[in-house]
Amino acid sequence: MRASFVLSEVFTGLRRNITMTIAMIITTAISLGLLGAGLLVVQMTNKTEQIYFDRVEVAVFLTNDISTSDPGCSGPICANLRTELQNTPGVQSVDYESRADAYERFKKVFANQPELVQLARPEALPASFRVKLTDPQRFAVISEAFSMRPGVDRVVDQAQLVQRLFSVLGGVRNAAFAIAVIQALAALLLISNMIQIAAFTRRTEVSIMRLVGATRWYTQLPFLLEAVTAGLIGSVLAIAGLFGAKSMFLDGVLKDLYASNIIGQVTTSDVLYVAPVLAVVGIGLSAVTAYVTLRLYVRQ
């Protein structure tokens, strides 16, 4: 098989159907870019989950009478609660936060909202135990054991609040995947149409080649390579788009959140990890679609 002939046929086919080729490349690039964005969101979610699970605590809030009468947690009820929390299996550490300490922390957290700080009063914030667990998923153990104990107002699991953030990130990921699937279907149709049109425009020369003994594989290979070439270009554009979005958008917009360790950072390594997946999917999608089209719709 002459490689030069096959390559010239591939170039000729792409040039003849230039508008459809461009449309297919752009559609493939968009679908792969959205798929890559979804994969990056998955990695960001995993990193963010690790950040918050390392920080997450169970807050055991004390009743108003204990918060008021025992600010140093030296009374029998408060002291016994602290001892029992420390001796509970799965508890890594227990820190007592008085009402005054809670108010100071409140002022730091909401330092950018002075009107809210002015409205708050120390007596509105209860004292609490901040319980660090070896496994954040074992919140139920603390809740069942201490929710109804004397001196305990309520038990709050911070992991439940963190899950809301993960739900938002999960929604973004699912939306990216859904749009990517729709774009992928559009790319499949464009690839199929391009192969059929290319085969139709070259039907005479292909028929002559078949008459002089060329195999079906030899005559169909240029069409297959046309689709693979377009898929490869689309993959490269999608990967370049992810690198561009990371450096020009994410790194700037999320800079402060990265620095504060609020969300996991999308790094160059993450994009490099996703890049081969996009290349394989883009080339494989184009190759399979072209092969199926040639077998089902194009008779040569």
C-alpha atoms as a PDB file:
ATOM      1  CA  MET A   1       0.000   0.000   0.000  1.00  0.00           C
ATOM      2  CA  ARG A   2       1.466   3.323  -1.046  1.00  0.00           C
ATOM      3  CA  ALA A   3       1.520   5.649   1.969  1.00  0.00           C
ATOM      4  CA  SER A   4       1.965   8.741  -0.187  1.00  0.00           C
ATOM      5  CA  PHE A   5      -1.215   7.955  -2.118  1.00  0.00           C
ATOM      6  CA  VAL A   6      -3.238   7.383   1.045  1.00  0.00           C
ATOM      7  CA  LEU A   7      -1.986  10.601   2.615  1.00  0.00           C
ATOM      8  CA  SER A   8      -2.726  12.591  -0.535  1.00  0.00           C
ATOM      9  CA  GLU A   9      -6.253  11.178  -0.563  1.00  0.00           C
ATOM     10  CA  VAL A  10      -6.732  12.144   3.096  1.00  0.00           C
ATOM     11  CA  PHE A  11      -5.583  15.702   2.413  1.00  0.00           C
ATOM     12  CA  THR A  12      -7.764  15.922  -0.665  1.00  0.00           C
ATOM     13  CA  GLY A  13     -10.840  14.691   1.221  1.00  0.00           C
ATOM     14  CA  LEU A  14     -10.351  17.164   4.061  1.00  0.00           C
ATOM     15  CA  ARG A  15      -9.848  20.021   1.598  1.00  0.00           C
ATOM     16  CA  ARG A  16     -12.871  19.165  -0.540  1.00  0.00           C
ATOM     17  CA  ASN A  17     -15.231  19.182   2.434  1.00  0.00           C
ATOM     18  CA  ILE A  18     -13.503  22.001   4.265  1.00  0.00           C
ATOM     19  CA  THR A  19     -16.607  23.538   5.857  1.00  0.00           C
ATOM     20  CA  MET A  20     -17.873  20.222   7.193  1.00  0.00           C
ATOM     21  CA  THR A  21     -14.372  19.318   8.351  1.00  0.00           C
ATOM     22  CA  ILE A  22     -14.100  22.567  10.307  1.00  0.00           C
ATOM     23  CA  ALA A  23     -17.548  22.051  11.813  1.00  0.00           C
ATOM     24  CA  MET A  24     -16.626  18.526  12.878  1.00  0.00           C
ATOM     25  CA  ILE A  25     -13.324  19.661  14.395  1.00  0.00           C
ATOM     26  CA  ILE A  26     -15.012  22.457  16.357  1.00  0.00           C
ATOM     27  CA  THR A  27     -17.838  20.208  17.583  1.00  0.00           C
ATOM     28  CA  THR A  28     -15.376  17.509  18.616  1.00  0.00           C
ATOM     29  CA  ALA A  29     -13.195  20.075  20.391  1.00  0.00           C
ATOM     30  CA  ILE A  30     -16.176  21.486  22.306  1.00  0.00           C
ATOM     31  CA  SER A  31     -17.459  18.064  23.373  1.00  0.00           C
ATOM     32  CA  LEU A  32     -14.003  16.917  24.476  1.00  0.00           C
ATOM     33  CA  GLY A  33     -13.380  20.242  26.230  1.00  0.00           C
ATOM     34  CA  LEU A  34     -16.587  19.830  28.243  1.00  0.00           C
ATOM     35  CA  LEU A  35     -15.658  16.234  29.027  1.00  0.00           C
ATOM     36  CA  GLY A  36     -12.249  17.420  30.199  1.00  0.00           C
ATOM     37  CA  ALA A  37     -13.863  20.152  32.302  1.00  0.00           C
ATOM     38  CA  GLY A  38     -16.036  17.527  33.975  1.00  0.00           C
ATOM     39  CA  LEU A  39     -12.992  15.390  34.736  1.00  0.00           C
ATOM     40  CA  LEU A  40     -11.179  18.402  36.202  1.00  0.00           C
ATOM     41  CA  VAL A  41     -14.190  19.189  38.394  1.00  0.00           C
ATOM     42  CA  VAL A  42     -14.056  15.594  39.657  1.00  0.00           C
ATOM     43  CA  GLN A  43     -10.410  16.063  40.620  1.00  0.00           C
ATOM     44  CA  MET A  44     -11.151  19.430  42.218  1.00  0.00           C
ATOM     45  CA  THR A  45     -14.004  17.874  44.204  1.00  0.00           C
ATOM     46  CA  ASN A  46     -11.772  15.066  45.456  1.00  0.00           C
ATOM     47  CA  LYS A  47      -9.101  17.535  46.575  1.00  0.00           C
ATOM     48  CA  THR A  48     -11.673  19.824  48.205  1.00  0.00           C
ATOM     49  CA  GLU A  49     -13.275  16.876  49.971  1.00  0.00           C
ATOM     50  CA  GLN A  50      -9.910  15.906  51.428  1.00  0.00           C
ATOM     51  CA  ILE A  51      -9.258  19.501  52.573  1.00  0.00           C
ATOM     52  CA  TYR A  52     -12.562  19.766  54.429  1.00  0.00           C
ATOM     53  CA  PHE A  53     -12.605  16.263  55.817  1.00  0.00           C
ATOM     54  CA  ASP A  54      -9.211  16.992  57.356  1.00  0.00           C
ATOM     55  CA  ARG A  55     -10.743  20.055  59.041  1.00  0.00           C
ATOM     56  CA  VAL A  56     -14.260  18.881  59.734  1.00  0.00           C
ATOM     57  CA  GLU A  57     -15.384  18.761  63.354  1.00  0.00           C
ATOM     58  CA  VAL A  58     -18.432  17.797  65.334  1.00  0.00           C
ATOM     59  CA  ALA A  59     -19.760  20.677  67.416  1.00  0.00           C
ATOM     60  CA  VAL A  60     -21.408  19.734  70.714  1.00  0.00           C
ATOM     61  CA  PHE A  61     -23.258  22.900  71.775  1.00  0.00           C
ATOM     62  CA  LEU A  62     -24.013  23.352  75.469  1.00  0.00           C
ATOM     63  CA  THR A  63     -27.229  24.653  76.959  1.00  0.00           C
ATOM     64  CA  ASN A  64     -27.616  28.287  77.871  1.00  0.00           C
ATOM     65  CA  ASP A  65     -27.383  27.694  81.619  1.00  0.00           C
ATOM     66  CA  ILE A  66     -24.060  25.807  81.326  1.00  0.00           C
ATOM     67  CA  SER A  67     -22.692  28.400  78.889  1.00  0.00           C
ATOM     68  CA  THR A  68     -23.545  31.179  81.325  1.00  0.00           C
ATOM     69  CA  SER A  69     -22.701  29.661  84.709  1.00  0.00           C
ATOM     70  CA  ASP A  70     -19.604  27.629  83.788  1.00  0.00           C
ATOM     71  CA  PRO A  71     -17.448  29.647  81.362  1.00  0.00           C
ATOM     72  CA  GLY A  72     -14.298  27.725  82.301  1.00  0.00           C
ATOM     73  CA  CYS A  73     -15.884  24.254  81.987  1.00  0.00           C
ATOM     74  CA  SER A  74     -14.841  23.390  85.520  1.00  0.00           C
ATOM     75  CA  GLY A  75     -18.273  22.353  86.812  1.00  0.00           C
ATOM     76  CA  PRO A  76     -19.226  18.678  87.089  1.00  0.00           C
ATOM     77  CA  ILE A  77     -21.595  18.536  84.083  1.00  0.00           C
ATOM     78  CA  CYS A  78     -19.239  20.269  81.632  1.00  0.00           C
ATOM     79  CA  ALA A  79     -16.113  18.536  82.943  1.00  0.00           C
ATOM     80  CA  ASN A  80     -17.762  15.098  82.774  1.00  0.00           C
ATOM     81  CA  LEU A  81     -18.889  15.733  79.208  1.00  0.00           C
ATOM     82  CA  ARG A  82     -15.362  16.667  78.183  1.00  0.00           C
ATOM     83  CA  THR A  83     -13.890  13.582  79.846  1.00  0.00           C
ATOM     84  CA  GLU A  84     -16.424  11.258  78.249  1.00  0.00           C
ATOM     85  CA  LEU A  85     -15.914  12.826  74.829  1.00  0.00           C
ATOM     86  CA  GLN A  86     -12.163  12.375  75.126  1.00  0.00           C
ATOM     87  CA  ASN A  87     -12.638   8.715  76.098  1.00  0.00           C
ATOM     88  CA  THR A  88     -15.047   7.960  73.243  1.00  0.00           C
ATOM     89  CA  PRO A  89     -13.523   5.620  70.610  1.00  0.00           C
ATOM     90  CA  GLY A  90     -12.787   7.411  67.351  1.00  0.00           C
ATOM     91  CA  VAL A  91     -12.320  10.837  68.969  1.00  0.00           C
ATOM     92  CA  GLN A  92      -8.982  12.394  68.075  1.00  0.00           C
ATOM     93  CA  SER A  93      -9.198  15.604  70.119  1.00  0.00           C
ATOM     94  CA  VAL A  94     -11.666  17.690  72.111  1.00  0.00           C
ATOM     95  CA  ASP A  95     -11.385  21.488  72.425  1.00  0.00           C
ATOM     96  CA  TYR A  96     -13.624  23.558  74.658  1.00  0.00           C
ATOM     97  CA  GLU A  97     -14.833  26.902  73.301  1.00  0.00           C
ATOM     98  CA  SER A  98     -16.421  29.248  75.799  1.00  0.00           C
ATOM     99  CA  ARG A  99     -19.073  31.794  74.950  1.00  0.00           C
ATOM    100  CA  ALA A 100     -16.458  34.562  74.898  1.00  0.00           C
ATOM    101  CA  ASP A 101     -14.183  32.493  72.637  1.00  0.00           C
ATOM    102  CA  ALA A 102     -17.101  31.808  70.298  1.00  0.00           C
ATOM    103  CA  TYR A 103     -17.808  35.533  70.064  1.00  0.00           C
ATOM    104  CA  GLU A 104     -14.157  36.297  69.241  1.00  0.00           C
ATOM    105  CA  ARG A 105     -14.149  33.662  66.521  1.00  0.00           C
ATOM    106  CA  PHE A 106     -17.439  35.043  65.177  1.00  0.00           C
ATOM    107  CA  LYS A 107     -15.886  38.508  64.871  1.00  0.00           C
ATOM    108  CA  LYS A 108     -12.906  37.104  62.943  1.00  0.00           C
ATOM    109  CA  VAL A 109     -15.046  35.044  60.582  1.00  0.00           C
ATOM    110  CA  PHE A 110     -17.359  37.975  59.781  1.00  0.00           C
ATOM    111  CA  ALA A 111     -14.720  40.735  59.914  1.00  0.00           C
ATOM    112  CA  ASN A 112     -15.794  41.867  56.445  1.00  0.00           C
ATOM    113  CA  GLN A 113     -19.400  42.334  57.607  1.00  0.00           C
ATOM    114  CA  PRO A 114     -19.126  44.868  60.486  1.00  0.00           C
ATOM    115  CA  GLU A 115     -22.883  45.483  60.597  1.00  0.00           C
ATOM    116  CA  LEU A 116     -23.433  41.802  61.393  1.00  0.00           C
ATOM    117  CA  VAL A 117     -20.766  41.874  64.096  1.00  0.00           C
ATOM    118  CA  GLN A 118     -22.409  44.926  65.680  1.00  0.00           C
ATOM    119  CA  LEU A 119     -25.751  43.130  65.873  1.00  0.00           C
ATOM    120  CA  ALA A 120     -24.300  40.013  67.490  1.00  0.00           C
ATOM    121  CA  ARG A 121     -24.010  39.636  71.260  1.00  0.00           C
ATOM    122  CA  PRO A 122     -21.783  37.217  73.185  1.00  0.00           C
ATOM    123  CA  GLU A 123     -24.760  35.825  75.118  1.00  0.00           C
ATOM    124  CA  ALA A 124     -26.354  34.707  71.830  1.00  0.00           C
ATOM    125  CA  LEU A 125     -23.498  32.291  71.147  1.00  0.00           C
ATOM    126  CA  PRO A 126     -23.370  29.082  73.190  1.00  0.00           C
ATOM    127  CA  ALA A 127     -20.269  27.409  74.544  1.00  0.00           C
ATOM    128  CA  SER A 128     -19.335  24.197  72.765  1.00  0.00           C
ATOM    129  CA  PHE A 129     -16.933  21.305  72.427  1.00  0.00           C
ATOM    130  CA  ARG A 130     -15.133  21.037  69.088  1.00  0.00           C
ATOM    131  CA  VAL A 131     -14.619  17.336  68.542  1.00  0.00           C
ATOM    132  CA  LYS A 132     -12.136  16.104  65.948  1.00  0.00           C
ATOM    133  CA  LEU A 133     -12.826  12.546  64.775  1.00  0.00           C
ATOM    134  CA  THR A 134     -10.355  10.082  63.307  1.00  0.00           C
ATOM    135  CA  ASP A 135     -13.079   9.235  60.780  1.00  0.00           C
ATOM    136  CA  PRO A 136     -15.441  12.153  59.957  1.00  0.00           C
ATOM    137  CA  GLN A 137     -18.084   9.647  58.852  1.00  0.00           C
ATOM    138  CA  ARG A 138     -18.551   8.466  62.461  1.00  0.00           C
ATOM    139  CA  PHE A 139     -20.657  11.478  63.422  1.00  0.00           C
ATOM    140  CA  ALA A 140     -23.599   9.228  64.333  1.00  0.00           C
ATOM    141  CA  VAL A 141     -21.591   7.746  67.212  1.00  0.00           C
ATOM    142  CA  ILE A 142     -21.216  11.140  68.883  1.00  0.00           C
ATOM    143  CA  SER A 143     -24.747  12.230  68.056  1.00  0.00           C
ATOM    144  CA  GLU A 144     -26.393   9.122  69.523  1.00  0.00           C
ATOM    145  CA  ALA A 145     -24.232   9.106  72.627  1.00  0.00           C
ATOM    146  CA  PHE A 146     -24.433  12.802  73.587  1.00  0.00           C
ATOM    147  CA  SER A 147     -27.492  14.430  71.987  1.00  0.00           C
ATOM    148  CA  MET A 148     -29.746  13.699  74.989  1.00  0.00           C
ATOM    149  CA  ARG A 149     -27.142  14.198  77.718  1.00  0.00           C
ATOM    150  CA  PRO A 150     -27.732  16.845  80.421  1.00  0.00           C
ATOM    151  CA  GLY A 151     -26.067  20.117  79.488  1.00  0.00           C
ATOM    152  CA  VAL A 152     -26.092  19.384  75.735  1.00  0.00           C
ATOM    153  CA  ASP A 153     -28.286  21.577  73.552  1.00  0.00           C
ATOM    154  CA  ARG A 154     -27.567  19.992  70.163  1.00  0.00           C
ATOM    155  CA  VAL A 155     -24.881  18.165  68.178  1.00  0.00           C
ATOM    156  CA  VAL A 156     -23.980  19.518  64.750  1.00  0.00           C
ATOM    157  CA  ASP A 157     -21.964  17.720  62.109  1.00  0.00           C
ATOM    158  CA  GLN A 158     -19.974  20.154  59.955  1.00  0.00           C
ATOM    159  CA  ALA A 159     -19.650  17.471  57.297  1.00  0.00           C
ATOM    160  CA  GLN A 160     -23.318  18.002  56.465  1.00  0.00           C
ATOM    161  CA  LEU A 161     -22.556  21.619  55.597  1.00  0.00           C
ATOM    162  CA  VAL A 162     -19.559  20.565  53.518  1.00  0.00           C
ATOM    163  CA  GLN A 163     -21.756  18.177  51.527  1.00  0.00           C
ATOM    164  CA  ARG A 164     -23.679  21.173  50.164  1.00  0.00           C
ATOM    165  CA  LEU A 165     -20.489  22.455  48.544  1.00  0.00           C
ATOM    166  CA  PHE A 166     -19.830  19.019  47.088  1.00  0.00           C
ATOM    167  CA  SER A 167     -23.387  18.957  45.739  1.00  0.00           C
ATOM    168  CA  VAL A 168     -22.772  22.209  43.869  1.00  0.00           C
ATOM    169  CA  LEU A 169     -19.509  20.915  42.413  1.00  0.00           C
ATOM    170  CA  GLY A 170     -21.254  17.657  41.524  1.00  0.00           C
ATOM    171  CA  GLY A 171     -23.971  19.600  39.715  1.00  0.00           C
ATOM    172  CA  VAL A 172     -21.381  21.482  37.666  1.00  0.00           C
ATOM    173  CA  ARG A 173     -19.665  18.200  36.816  1.00  0.00           C
ATOM    174  CA  ASN A 174     -22.922  16.519  35.766  1.00  0.00           C
ATOM    175  CA  ALA A 175     -23.922  19.512  33.640  1.00  0.00           C
ATOM    176  CA  ALA A 176     -20.554  19.445  31.859  1.00  0.00           C
ATOM    177  CA  PHE A 177     -20.890  15.716  31.212  1.00  0.00           C
ATOM    178  CA  ALA A 178     -24.470  16.097  29.928  1.00  0.00           C
ATOM    179  CA  ILE A 179     -23.528  18.860  27.479  1.00  0.00           C
ATOM    180  CA  ALA A 180     -20.466  16.842  26.430  1.00  0.00           C
ATOM    181  CA  VAL A 181     -22.684  13.869  25.577  1.00  0.00           C
ATOM    182  CA  ILE A 182     -24.970  16.054  23.451  1.00  0.00           C
ATOM    183  CA  GLN A 183     -21.981  17.575  21.652  1.00  0.00           C
ATOM    184  CA  ALA A 184     -20.490  14.101  21.158  1.00  0.00           C
ATOM    185  CA  LEU A 185     -23.691  12.956  19.443  1.00  0.00           C
ATOM    186  CA  ALA A 186     -23.499  15.978  17.166  1.00  0.00           C
ATOM    187  CA  ALA A 187     -19.869  15.113  16.395  1.00  0.00           C
ATOM    188  CA  LEU A 188     -20.872  11.529  15.573  1.00  0.00           C
ATOM    189  CA  LEU A 189     -23.461  12.740  13.066  1.00  0.00           C
ATOM    190  CA  LEU A 190     -21.016  15.167  11.476  1.00  0.00           C
ATOM    191  CA  ILE A 191     -18.348  12.479  11.145  1.00  0.00           C
ATOM    192  CA  SER A 192     -20.857  10.103   9.601  1.00  0.00           C
ATOM    193  CA  ASN A 193     -22.108  12.732   7.151  1.00  0.00           C
ATOM    194  CA  MET A 194     -18.573  13.761   6.215  1.00  0.00           C
ATOM    195  CA  ILE A 195     -17.629  10.155   5.414  1.00  0.00           C
ATOM    196  CA  GLN A 196     -20.716   9.631   3.284  1.00  0.00           C
ATOM    197  CA  ILE A 197     -20.238  12.887   1.365  1.00  0.00           C
ATOM    198  CA  ALA A 198     -16.526  12.199   0.849  1.00  0.00           C
ATOM    199  CA  ALA A 199     -17.291   8.704  -0.446  1.00  0.00           C
ATOM    200  CA  PHE A 200     -19.976  10.053  -2.778  1.00  0.00           C
ATOM    201  CA  THR A 201     -17.749  12.742  -4.299  1.00  0.00           C
ATOM    202  CA  ARG A 202     -15.021  10.169  -4.992  1.00  0.00           C
ATOM    203  CA  ARG A 203     -17.246   7.310  -6.008  1.00  0.00           C
ATOM    204  CA  THR A 204     -15.924   7.210  -9.597  1.00  0.00           C
ATOM    205  CA  GLU A 205     -12.249   6.975  -8.732  1.00  0.00           C
ATOM    206  CA  VAL A 206     -12.975   4.460  -5.981  1.00  0.00           C
ATOM    207  CA  SER A 207     -14.929   2.306  -8.445  1.00  0.00           C
ATOM    208  CA  ILE A 208     -11.992   2.368 -10.857  1.00  0.00           C
ATOM    209  CA  MET A 209      -9.613   1.354  -8.081  1.00  0.00           C
ATOM    210  CA  ARG A 210     -11.890  -1.551  -7.190  1.00  0.00           C
ATOM    211  CA  LEU A 211     -11.988  -2.659 -10.856  1.00  0.00           C
ATOM    212  CA  VAL A 212      -8.178  -2.790 -11.074  1.00  0.00           C
ATOM    213  CA  GLY A 213      -7.938  -4.958  -7.968  1.00  0.00           C
ATOM    214  CA  ALA A 214      -7.727  -2.593  -4.979  1.00  0.00           C
ATOM    215  CA  THR A 215      -9.064  -4.115  -1.784  1.00  0.00           C
ATOM    216  CA  ARG A 216     -11.979  -2.668   0.123  1.00  0.00           C
ATOM    217  CA  TRP A 217      -9.661  -1.817   3.021  1.00  0.00           C
ATOM    218  CA  TYR A 218      -7.320   0.080   0.682  1.00  0.00           C
ATOM    219  CA  THR A 219     -10.141   2.209  -0.708  1.00  0.00           C
ATOM    220  CA  GLN A 220     -11.752   2.863   2.677  1.00  0.00           C
ATOM    221  CA  LEU A 221      -8.604   3.682   4.637  1.00  0.00           C
ATOM    222  CA  PRO A 222      -8.358   7.320   3.405  1.00  0.00           C
ATOM    223  CA  PHE A 223     -11.904   8.034   4.646  1.00  0.00           C
ATOM    224  CA  LEU A 224     -11.094   6.486   8.001  1.00  0.00           C
ATOM    225  CA  LEU A 225      -7.911   8.535   8.316  1.00  0.00           C
ATOM    226  CA  GLU A 226      -9.804  11.713   7.437  1.00  0.00           C
ATOM    227  CA  ALA A 227     -12.078  11.205  10.419  1.00  0.00           C
ATOM    228  CA  VAL A 228      -9.161  10.279  12.693  1.00  0.00           C
ATOM    229  CA  THR A 229      -7.217  13.374  11.584  1.00  0.00           C
ATOM    230  CA  ALA A 230     -10.176  15.635  12.311  1.00  0.00           C
ATOM    231  CA  GLY A 231     -10.671  13.933  15.685  1.00  0.00           C
ATOM    232  CA  LEU A 232      -6.986  14.369  16.516  1.00  0.00           C
ATOM    233  CA  ILE A 233      -7.091  18.082  15.675  1.00  0.00           C
ATOM    234  CA  GLY A 234     -10.251  18.454  17.774  1.00  0.00           C
ATOM    235  CA  SER A 235      -8.511  16.703  20.699  1.00  0.00           C
ATOM    236  CA  VAL A 236      -5.502  19.016  20.449  1.00  0.00           C
ATOM    237  CA  LEU A 237      -7.757  22.065  20.424  1.00  0.00           C
ATOM    238  CA  ALA A 238      -9.701  20.773  23.441  1.00  0.00           C
ATOM    239  CA  ILE A 239      -6.496  20.131  25.418  1.00  0.00           C
ATOM    240  CA  ALA A 240      -5.128  23.559  24.454  1.00  0.00           C
ATOM    241  CA  GLY A 241      -8.441  25.088  25.557  1.00  0.00           C
ATOM    242  CA  LEU A 242      -8.187  23.439  28.978  1.00  0.00           C
ATOM    243  CA  PHE A 243      -4.647  24.743  29.463  1.00  0.00           C
ATOM    244  CA  GLY A 244      -5.781  28.207  28.373  1.00  0.00           C
ATOM    245  CA  ALA A 245      -8.838  28.171  30.649  1.00  0.00           C
ATOM    246  CA  LYS A 246      -6.690  27.113  33.590  1.00  0.00           C
ATOM    247  CA  SER A 247      -3.992  29.758  33.127  1.00  0.00           C
ATOM    248  CA  MET A 248      -6.166  32.674  31.978  1.00  0.00           C
ATOM    249  CA  PHE A 249      -9.360  32.042  33.938  1.00  0.00           C
ATOM    250  CA  LEU A 250      -9.186  29.588  36.849  1.00  0.00           C
ATOM    251  CA  ASP A 251      -5.804  30.683  38.203  1.00  0.00           C
ATOM    252  CA  GLY A 252      -6.957  34.294  38.256  1.00  0.00           C
ATOM    253  CA  VAL A 253     -10.568  33.967  39.415  1.00  0.00           C
ATOM    254  CA  LEU A 254      -9.889  31.280  42.045  1.00  0.00           C
ATOM    255  CA  LYS A 255      -6.516  32.595  43.186  1.00  0.00           C
ATOM    256  CA  ASP A 256      -7.749  33.775  46.596  1.00  0.00           C
ATOM    257  CA  LEU A 257      -9.736  30.576  47.166  1.00  0.00           C
ATOM    258  CA  TYR A 258      -6.655  28.519  46.348  1.00  0.00           C
ATOM    259  CA  ALA A 259      -4.508  30.596  48.692  1.00  0.00           C
ATOM    260  CA  SER A 260      -7.055  30.248  51.503  1.00  0.00           C
ATOM    261  CA  ASN A 261      -7.243  26.504  50.911  1.00  0.00           C
ATOM    262  CA  ILE A 262     -11.011  26.760  50.507  1.00  0.00           C
ATOM    263  CA  ILE A 263     -11.169  24.618  47.374  1.00  0.00           C
ATOM    264  CA  GLY A 264      -8.729  22.196  45.806  1.00  0.00           C
ATOM    265  CA  GLN A 265      -6.468  23.698  43.155  1.00  0.00           C
ATOM    266  CA  VAL A 266      -6.569  22.581  39.534  1.00  0.00           C
ATOM    267  CA  THR A 267      -2.916  22.146  38.607  1.00  0.00           C
ATOM    268  CA  THR A 268      -1.064  21.674  35.342  1.00  0.00           C
ATOM    269  CA  SER A 269      -0.561  18.051  36.365  1.00  0.00           C
ATOM    270  CA  ASP A 270      -4.343  17.605  36.493  1.00  0.00           C
ATOM    271  CA  VAL A 271      -4.693  18.869  32.930  1.00  0.00           C
ATOM    272  CA  LEU A 272      -1.808  16.658  31.793  1.00  0.00           C
ATOM    273  CA  TYR A 273      -3.559  13.715  33.437  1.00  0.00           C
ATOM    274  CA  VAL A 274      -6.781  14.452  31.549  1.00  0.00           C
ATOM    275  CA  ALA A 275      -5.096  15.204  28.198  1.00  0.00           C
ATOM    276  CA  PRO A 276      -4.350  11.573  27.149  1.00  0.00           C
ATOM    277  CA  VAL A 277      -7.926  10.596  28.012  1.00  0.00           C
ATOM    278  CA  LEU A 278      -9.287  13.292  25.705  1.00  0.00           C
ATOM    279  CA  ALA A 279      -6.892  12.313  22.916  1.00  0.00           C
ATOM    280  CA  VAL A 280      -7.855   8.645  23.123  1.00  0.00           C
ATOM    281  CA  VAL A 281     -11.579   9.448  23.281  1.00  0.00           C
ATOM    282  CA  GLY A 282     -11.370  11.903  20.372  1.00  0.00           C
ATOM    283  CA  ILE A 283      -9.392   9.610  18.093  1.00  0.00           C
ATOM    284  CA  GLY A 284     -11.298   6.500  19.149  1.00  0.00           C
ATOM    285  CA  LEU A 285     -14.681   8.196  18.700  1.00  0.00           C
ATOM    286  CA  SER A 286     -13.771   9.351  15.207  1.00  0.00           C
ATOM    287  CA  ALA A 287     -12.277   6.011  14.171  1.00  0.00           C
ATOM    288  CA  VAL A 288     -15.199   3.912  15.413  1.00  0.00           C
ATOM    289  CA  THR A 289     -17.802   6.231  13.880  1.00  0.00           C
ATOM    290  CA  ALA A 290     -16.020   6.283  10.535  1.00  0.00           C
ATOM    291  CA  TYR A 291     -15.607   2.492  10.506  1.00  0.00           C
ATOM    292  CA  VAL A 292     -19.249   1.863  11.339  1.00  0.00           C
ATOM    293  CA  THR A 293     -20.368   4.375   8.720  1.00  0.00           C
ATOM    294  CA  LEU A 294     -18.224   2.764   6.052  1.00  0.00           C
ATOM    295  CA  ARG A 295     -19.535  -0.678   6.891  1.00  0.00           C
ATOM    296  CA  LEU A 296     -23.207   0.279   7.093  1.00  0.00           C
ATOM    297  CA  TYR A 297     -23.762   3.092   4.624  1.00  0.00           C
ATOM    298  CA  VAL A 298     -20.890   3.156   2.184  1.00  0.00           C
ATOM    299  CA  ARG A 299     -20.619   0.260  -0.268  1.00  0.00           C
ATOM    300  CA  GLN A 300     -17.384   0.294  -2.201  1.00  0.00           C
END
